[in-house]
Amino acid sequence: MMQQASLEAYKIVTPVLPEKRFKVYQILLEQGPLTNKQIAERLEWTINRVTPRVKELREMGIVRRVKQMCDPESGVTVNVWGCH
């Protein structure tokens, strides 16, 4: 369930984001924090579609890195993203 502040942000951001950015924002808002790989899996997109959208949302100040973690499958350190 969304908190009141998140709901207010959702109402402000929703009309101004292009569709792909909005889908990434929405999945992070509803299910985040998530890695790029987790976002891609939930949206059934390739990672190459997700990564640029996350970067754009970060540059807009809508998404931020919550933490870093080791991906259990690859052993690579990955970022975990969440909404402000």
C-alpha atoms as a PDB file:
ATOM      1  CA  MET A   1       0.000   0.000   0.000  1.00  0.00           C
ATOM      2  CA  MET A   2       1.336   3.422  -0.950  1.00  0.00           C
ATOM      3  CA  GLN A   3       2.018   5.958   1.757  1.00  0.00           C
ATOM      4  CA  GLN A   4       0.356   9.372   1.449  1.00  0.00           C
ATOM      5  CA  ALA A   5       3.594  11.120   0.376  1.00  0.00           C
ATOM      6  CA  SER A   6       4.176   8.485  -2.303  1.00  0.00           C
ATOM      7  CA  LEU A   7       0.611   8.889  -3.532  1.00  0.00           C
ATOM      8  CA  GLU A   8       1.071  12.650  -3.811  1.00  0.00           C
ATOM      9  CA  ALA A   9       4.335  12.181  -5.764  1.00  0.00           C
ATOM     10  CA  TYR A  10       2.627   9.633  -8.005  1.00  0.00           C
ATOM     11  CA  LYS A  11      -0.106  12.140  -8.885  1.00  0.00           C
ATOM     12  CA  ILE A  12       2.476  14.814  -9.741  1.00  0.00           C
ATOM     13  CA  VAL A  13       4.860  12.632 -11.758  1.00  0.00           C
ATOM     14  CA  THR A  14       2.357  10.474 -13.661  1.00  0.00           C
ATOM     15  CA  PRO A  15       1.177  13.013 -16.251  1.00  0.00           C
ATOM     16  CA  VAL A  16       4.667  14.231 -17.206  1.00  0.00           C
ATOM     17  CA  LEU A  17       6.597  10.990 -17.777  1.00  0.00           C
ATOM     18  CA  PRO A  18       6.805   9.238 -21.142  1.00  0.00           C
ATOM     19  CA  GLU A  19       5.314   5.734 -21.079  1.00  0.00           C
ATOM     20  CA  LYS A  20       8.519   3.685 -20.673  1.00  0.00           C
ATOM     21  CA  ARG A  21       9.870   5.898 -17.889  1.00  0.00           C
ATOM     22  CA  PHE A  22       6.489   5.801 -16.195  1.00  0.00           C
ATOM     23  CA  LYS A  23       6.400   1.990 -16.254  1.00  0.00           C
ATOM     24  CA  VAL A  24       9.808   1.812 -14.568  1.00  0.00           C
ATOM     25  CA  TYR A  25       8.786   4.457 -12.023  1.00  0.00           C
ATOM     26  CA  GLN A  26       5.523   2.655 -11.311  1.00  0.00           C
ATOM     27  CA  ILE A  27       7.156  -0.734 -10.742  1.00  0.00           C
ATOM     28  CA  LEU A  28       9.689   0.852  -8.370  1.00  0.00           C
ATOM     29  CA  LEU A  29       6.957   2.698  -6.512  1.00  0.00           C
ATOM     30  CA  GLU A  30       4.777  -0.374  -6.141  1.00  0.00           C
ATOM     31  CA  GLN A  31       7.386  -3.134  -5.715  1.00  0.00           C
ATOM     32  CA  GLY A  32      10.725  -1.419  -5.060  1.00  0.00           C
ATOM     33  CA  PRO A  33      13.473  -1.149  -4.161  1.00  0.00           C
ATOM     34  CA  LEU A  34      14.685  -3.269  -7.088  1.00  0.00           C
ATOM     35  CA  THR A  35      17.758  -3.864  -9.249  1.00  0.00           C
ATOM     36  CA  ASN A  36      17.712  -3.227 -12.999  1.00  0.00           C
ATOM     37  CA  LYS A  37      17.525  -6.984 -13.524  1.00  0.00           C
ATOM     38  CA  GLN A  38      14.523  -7.297 -11.216  1.00  0.00           C
ATOM     39  CA  ILE A  39      12.777  -4.399 -12.968  1.00  0.00           C
ATOM     40  CA  ALA A  40      13.418  -6.053 -16.344  1.00  0.00           C
ATOM     41  CA  GLU A  41      12.025  -9.369 -15.113  1.00  0.00           C
ATOM     42  CA  ARG A  42       8.852  -7.790 -13.723  1.00  0.00           C
ATOM     43  CA  LEU A  43       8.230  -5.733 -16.857  1.00  0.00           C
ATOM     44  CA  GLU A  44       9.269  -8.606 -19.133  1.00  0.00           C
ATOM     45  CA  TRP A  45      11.739  -6.264 -20.853  1.00  0.00           C
ATOM     46  CA  THR A  46      15.390  -6.704 -21.752  1.00  0.00           C
ATOM     47  CA  ILE A  47      17.885  -5.102 -19.395  1.00  0.00           C
ATOM     48  CA  ASN A  48      18.869  -2.749 -22.239  1.00  0.00           C
ATOM     49  CA  ARG A  49      15.404  -1.170 -22.116  1.00  0.00           C
ATOM     50  CA  VAL A  50      15.495  -0.732 -18.339  1.00  0.00           C
ATOM     51  CA  THR A  51      18.962   0.709 -17.739  1.00  0.00           C
ATOM     52  CA  PRO A  52      18.481   3.915 -19.776  1.00  0.00           C
ATOM     53  CA  ARG A  53      15.056   4.541 -18.216  1.00  0.00           C
ATOM     54  CA  VAL A  54      16.505   4.228 -14.704  1.00  0.00           C
ATOM     55  CA  LYS A  55      19.301   6.623 -15.649  1.00  0.00           C
ATOM     56  CA  GLU A  56      16.790   9.162 -16.988  1.00  0.00           C
ATOM     57  CA  LEU A  57      14.696   8.899 -13.829  1.00  0.00           C
ATOM     58  CA  ARG A  58      17.830   9.320 -11.691  1.00  0.00           C
ATOM     59  CA  GLU A  59      18.805  12.439 -13.630  1.00  0.00           C
ATOM     60  CA  MET A  60      15.295  13.810 -13.050  1.00  0.00           C
ATOM     61  CA  GLY A  61      15.698  13.208  -9.300  1.00  0.00           C
ATOM     62  CA  ILE A  62      12.796  10.752  -9.176  1.00  0.00           C
ATOM     63  CA  VAL A  63      14.822   7.582  -8.530  1.00  0.00           C
ATOM     64  CA  ARG A  64      17.801   7.122  -6.234  1.00  0.00           C
ATOM     65  CA  ARG A  65      20.217   4.372  -5.333  1.00  0.00           C
ATOM     66  CA  VAL A  66      19.101   2.772  -2.098  1.00  0.00           C
ATOM     67  CA  LYS A  67      22.049   0.401  -1.701  1.00  0.00           C
ATOM     68  CA  GLN A  68      24.456  -1.876  -3.517  1.00  0.00           C
ATOM     69  CA  MET A  69      24.399  -5.650  -3.263  1.00  0.00           C
ATOM     70  CA  CYS A  70      26.015  -8.694  -4.771  1.00  0.00           C
ATOM     71  CA  ASP A  71      23.851 -10.365  -7.412  1.00  0.00           C
ATOM     72  CA  PRO A  72      23.668 -14.000  -6.294  1.00  0.00           C
ATOM     73  CA  GLU A  73      23.627 -15.366  -9.857  1.00  0.00           C
ATOM     74  CA  SER A  74      26.477 -13.363 -11.387  1.00  0.00           C
ATOM     75  CA  GLY A  75      28.495 -12.383  -8.310  1.00  0.00           C
ATOM     76  CA  VAL A  76      28.580  -8.802  -9.627  1.00  0.00           C
ATOM     77  CA  THR A  77      27.858  -5.799  -7.407  1.00  0.00           C
ATOM     78  CA  VAL A  78      24.613  -4.149  -8.550  1.00  0.00           C
ATOM     79  CA  ASN A  79      22.629  -1.075  -7.553  1.00  0.00           C
ATOM     80  CA  VAL A  80      19.240  -1.294  -5.916  1.00  0.00           C
ATOM     81  CA  TRP A  81      16.907   1.561  -6.923  1.00  0.00           C
ATOM     82  CA  GLY A  82      14.007   3.196  -5.134  1.00  0.00           C
ATOM     83  CA  CYS A  83      11.785   6.241  -5.495  1.00  0.00           C
ATOM     84  CA  HIS A  84      12.418   9.455  -3.583  1.00  0.00           C
END
